[in-house]
């Protein structure tokens, strides 16, 4: 790989949150589940 790309680290994240209570804290109080997709990148030099 080229030198700048060899120091690139991409870290994906998938997250599921669930409220085990009777309230609905997610999506404007309409749901007790929430999914989040995210990623970050680290470039070392």
PDB file of N, CA and C in Angstrom:
ATOM      1  N   UNK A   1       0.842  -1.186   0.000  1.00  0.00           N
ATOM      2  CA  UNK A   1       0.000   0.000   0.000  1.00  0.00           C
ATOM      3  C   UNK A   1       0.883   1.243   0.000  1.00  0.00           C
ATOM      4  N   UNK A   2       0.340   2.328  -0.530  1.00  0.00           N
ATOM      5  CA  UNK A   2       1.096   3.577  -0.435  1.00  0.00           C
ATOM      6  C   UNK A   2       1.277   3.991   1.023  1.00  0.00           C
ATOM      7  N   UNK A   3       2.297   4.732   1.285  1.00  0.00           N
ATOM      8  CA  UNK A   3       2.658   5.111   2.658  1.00  0.00           C
ATOM      9  C   UNK A   3       1.524   5.789   3.436  1.00  0.00           C
ATOM     10  N   UNK A   4       0.797   6.774   2.884  1.00  0.00           N
ATOM     11  CA  UNK A   4      -0.265   7.397   3.687  1.00  0.00           C
ATOM     12  C   UNK A   4      -1.399   6.438   4.042  1.00  0.00           C
ATOM     13  N   UNK A   5      -1.689   5.478   3.184  1.00  0.00           N
ATOM     14  CA  UNK A   5      -2.799   4.563   3.416  1.00  0.00           C
ATOM     15  C   UNK A   5      -2.419   3.463   4.403  1.00  0.00           C
ATOM     16  N   UNK A   6      -1.166   3.123   4.521  1.00  0.00           N
ATOM     17  CA  UNK A   6      -0.763   2.045   5.414  1.00  0.00           C
ATOM     18  C   UNK A   6      -0.971   2.407   6.882  1.00  0.00           C
ATOM     19  N   UNK A   7      -1.057   3.690   7.209  1.00  0.00           N
ATOM     20  CA  UNK A   7      -1.291   4.108   8.586  1.00  0.00           C
ATOM     21  C   UNK A   7      -2.744   4.436   8.878  1.00  0.00           C
ATOM     22  N   UNK A   8      -3.674   4.033   8.006  1.00  0.00           N
ATOM     23  CA  UNK A   8      -5.087   4.344   8.177  1.00  0.00           C
ATOM     24  C   UNK A   8      -5.799   3.162   8.824  1.00  0.00           C
ATOM     25  N   UNK A   9      -6.511   3.432   9.908  1.00  0.00           N
ATOM     26  CA  UNK A   9      -7.291   2.426  10.607  1.00  0.00           C
ATOM     27  C   UNK A   9      -8.732   2.915  10.680  1.00  0.00           C
ATOM     28  N   UNK A  10      -9.656   2.137  10.131  1.00  0.00           N
ATOM     29  CA  UNK A  10     -11.075   2.475  10.165  1.00  0.00           C
ATOM     30  C   UNK A  10     -11.760   1.510  11.120  1.00  0.00           C
ATOM     31  N   UNK A  11     -12.493   2.071  12.094  1.00  0.00           N
ATOM     32  CA  UNK A  11     -13.140   1.256  13.129  1.00  0.00           C
ATOM     33  C   UNK A  11     -14.655   1.448  13.066  1.00  0.00           C
ATOM     34  N   UNK A  12     -15.374   0.458  12.529  1.00  0.00           N
ATOM     35  CA  UNK A  12     -16.837   0.562  12.482  1.00  0.00           C
ATOM     36  C   UNK A  12     -17.466   0.213  13.832  1.00  0.00           C
ATOM     37  N   UNK A  13     -18.678   0.700  14.036  1.00  0.00           N
ATOM     38  CA  UNK A  13     -19.406   0.422  15.276  1.00  0.00           C
ATOM     39  C   UNK A  13     -20.877   0.199  14.951  1.00  0.00           C
ATOM     40  N   UNK A  14     -21.441  -0.853  15.494  1.00  0.00           N
ATOM     41  CA  UNK A  14     -22.879  -1.120  15.431  1.00  0.00           C
ATOM     42  C   UNK A  14     -23.338  -1.273  16.866  1.00  0.00           C
ATOM     43  N   UNK A  15     -24.362  -0.528  17.217  1.00  0.00           N
ATOM     44  CA  UNK A  15     -24.812  -0.529  18.604  1.00  0.00           C
ATOM     45  C   UNK A  15     -26.326  -0.681  18.658  1.00  0.00           C
ATOM     46  N   UNK A  16     -26.800  -1.489  19.593  1.00  0.00           N
ATOM     47  CA  UNK A  16     -28.233  -1.662  19.838  1.00  0.00           C
ATOM     48  C   UNK A  16     -28.480  -1.364  21.303  1.00  0.00           C
ATOM     49  N   UNK A  17     -29.399  -0.464  21.565  1.00  0.00           N
ATOM     50  CA  UNK A  17     -29.797  -0.126  22.923  1.00  0.00           C
ATOM     51  C   UNK A  17     -31.247  -0.538  23.113  1.00  0.00           C
ATOM     52  N   UNK A  18     -31.544  -1.090  24.283  1.00  0.00           N
ATOM     53  CA  UNK A  18     -32.906  -1.511  24.609  1.00  0.00           C
ATOM     54  C   UNK A  18     -33.221  -1.098  26.038  1.00  0.00           C
ATOM     55  N   UNK A  19     -34.385  -0.538  26.244  1.00  0.00           N
ATOM     56  CA  UNK A  19     -34.836  -0.164  27.582  1.00  0.00           C
ATOM     57  C   UNK A  19     -35.684  -1.304  28.129  1.00  0.00           C
ATOM     58  N   UNK A  20     -35.261  -1.903  29.215  1.00  0.00           N
ATOM     59  CA  UNK A  20     -35.969  -3.020  29.823  1.00  0.00           C
ATOM     60  C   UNK A  20     -37.016  -2.557  30.837  1.00  0.00           C
ATOM     61  N   UNK A  21     -37.432  -1.324  30.723  1.00  0.00           N
ATOM     62  CA  UNK A  21     -38.475  -0.781  31.594  1.00  0.00           C
ATOM     63  C   UNK A  21     -39.731  -0.536  30.765  1.00  0.00           C
ATOM     64  N   UNK A  22     -40.772  -0.054  31.381  1.00  0.00           N
ATOM     65  CA  UNK A  22     -42.021   0.186  30.666  1.00  0.00           C
ATOM     66  C   UNK A  22     -42.036   1.501  29.894  1.00  0.00           C
ATOM     67  N   UNK A  23     -41.035   2.341  30.086  1.00  0.00           N
ATOM     68  CA  UNK A  23     -41.016   3.609  29.357  1.00  0.00           C
ATOM     69  C   UNK A  23     -40.394   3.414  27.978  1.00  0.00           C
ATOM     70  N   UNK A  24     -40.532   4.415  27.132  1.00  0.00           N
ATOM     71  CA  UNK A  24     -40.001   4.377  25.766  1.00  0.00           C
ATOM     72  C   UNK A  24     -39.089   5.594  25.567  1.00  0.00           C
ATOM     73  N   UNK A  25     -37.809   5.475  25.896  1.00  0.00           N
ATOM     74  CA  UNK A  25     -36.925   6.634  25.886  1.00  0.00           C
ATOM     75  C   UNK A  25     -36.354   7.020  24.523  1.00  0.00           C
ATOM     76  N   UNK A  26     -36.577   6.223  23.479  1.00  0.00           N
ATOM     77  CA  UNK A  26     -35.934   6.494  22.189  1.00  0.00           C
ATOM     78  C   UNK A  26     -36.954   6.976  21.159  1.00  0.00           C
ATOM     79  N   UNK A  27     -36.459   7.709  20.178  1.00  0.00           N
ATOM     80  CA  UNK A  27     -37.235   8.198  19.036  1.00  0.00           C
ATOM     81  C   UNK A  27     -38.479   8.957  19.526  1.00  0.00           C
ATOM     82  N   UNK A  28     -38.237   9.989  20.273  1.00  0.00           N
ATOM     83  CA  UNK A  28     -39.295  10.876  20.789  1.00  0.00           C
ATOM     84  C   UNK A  28     -40.340  10.110  21.595  1.00  0.00           C
ATOM     85  N   UNK A  29     -39.886   9.236  22.449  1.00  0.00           N
ATOM     86  CA  UNK A  29     -40.739   8.451  23.350  1.00  0.00           C
ATOM     87  C   UNK A  29     -41.711   7.531  22.614  1.00  0.00           C
ATOM     88  N   UNK A  30     -41.322   7.019  21.442  1.00  0.00           N
ATOM     89  CA  UNK A  30     -42.180   6.098  20.704  1.00  0.00           C
ATOM     90  C   UNK A  30     -41.636   4.679  20.649  1.00  0.00           C
ATOM     91  N   UNK A  31     -40.403   4.451  21.108  1.00  0.00           N
ATOM     92  CA  UNK A  31     -39.807   3.125  20.959  1.00  0.00           C
ATOM     93  C   UNK A  31     -38.896   2.824  22.140  1.00  0.00           C
ATOM     94  N   UNK A  32     -38.717   1.528  22.439  1.00  0.00           N
ATOM     95  CA  UNK A  32     -37.783   1.148  23.503  1.00  0.00           C
ATOM     96  C   UNK A  32     -36.523   0.490  22.935  1.00  0.00           C
ATOM     97  N   UNK A  33     -36.310   0.592  21.620  1.00  0.00           N
ATOM     98  CA  UNK A  33     -35.098   0.117  20.956  1.00  0.00           C
ATOM     99  C   UNK A  33     -34.477   1.249  20.153  1.00  0.00           C
ATOM    100  N   UNK A  34     -33.156   1.209  20.027  1.00  0.00           N
ATOM    101  CA  UNK A  34     -32.456   2.172  19.185  1.00  0.00           C
ATOM    102  C   UNK A  34     -31.223   1.506  18.593  1.00  0.00           C
ATOM    103  N   UNK A  35     -31.028   1.694  17.286  1.00  0.00           N
ATOM    104  CA  UNK A  35     -29.841   1.203  16.600  1.00  0.00           C
ATOM    105  C   UNK A  35     -28.995   2.388  16.185  1.00  0.00           C
ATOM    106  N   UNK A  36     -27.692   2.253  16.335  1.00  0.00           N
ATOM    107  CA  UNK A  36     -26.763   3.293  15.937  1.00  0.00           C
ATOM    108  C   UNK A  36     -25.658   2.670  15.088  1.00  0.00           C
ATOM    109  N   UNK A  37     -25.376   3.277  13.944  1.00  0.00           N
ATOM    110  CA  UNK A  37     -24.267   2.877  13.100  1.00  0.00           C
ATOM    111  C   UNK A  37     -23.276   4.030  13.076  1.00  0.00           C
ATOM    112  N   UNK A  38     -22.015   3.719  13.234  1.00  0.00           N
ATOM    113  CA  UNK A  38     -21.006   4.765  13.232  1.00  0.00           C
ATOM    114  C   UNK A  38     -19.652   4.214  12.824  1.00  0.00           C
ATOM    115  N   UNK A  39     -18.734   5.111  12.632  1.00  0.00           N
ATOM    116  CA  UNK A  39     -17.364   4.720  12.290  1.00  0.00           C
ATOM    117  C   UNK A  39     -16.438   5.865  12.657  1.00  0.00           C
ATOM    118  N   UNK A  40     -15.198   5.523  12.885  1.00  0.00           N
ATOM    119  CA  UNK A  40     -14.177   6.547  13.039  1.00  0.00           C
ATOM    120  C   UNK A  40     -12.920   6.075  12.329  1.00  0.00           C
ATOM    121  N   UNK A  41     -12.017   6.992  12.151  1.00  0.00           N
ATOM    122  CA  UNK A  41     -10.772   6.686  11.445  1.00  0.00           C
ATOM    123  C   UNK A  41      -9.601   7.252  12.217  1.00  0.00           C
ATOM    124  N   UNK A  42      -8.506   6.492  12.222  1.00  0.00           N
ATOM    125  CA  UNK A  42      -7.267   6.927  12.857  1.00  0.00           C
ATOM    126  C   UNK A  42      -6.188   6.891  11.797  1.00  0.00           C
ATOM    127  N   UNK A  43      -5.512   7.999  11.615  1.00  0.00           N
ATOM    128  CA  UNK A  43      -4.415   8.081  10.657  1.00  0.00           C
ATOM    129  C   UNK A  43      -3.130   8.351  11.413  1.00  0.00           C
ATOM    130  N   UNK A  44      -2.242   7.374  11.419  1.00  0.00           N
ATOM    131  CA  UNK A  44      -0.950   7.556  12.076  1.00  0.00           C
ATOM    132  C   UNK A  44       0.066   8.060  11.069  1.00  0.00           C
ATOM    133  N   UNK A  45       0.980   8.885  11.557  1.00  0.00           N
ATOM    134  CA  UNK A  45       2.031   9.418  10.676  1.00  0.00           C
ATOM    135  C   UNK A  45       3.289   9.598  11.457  1.00  0.00           C
TER     136      UNK A  45
END
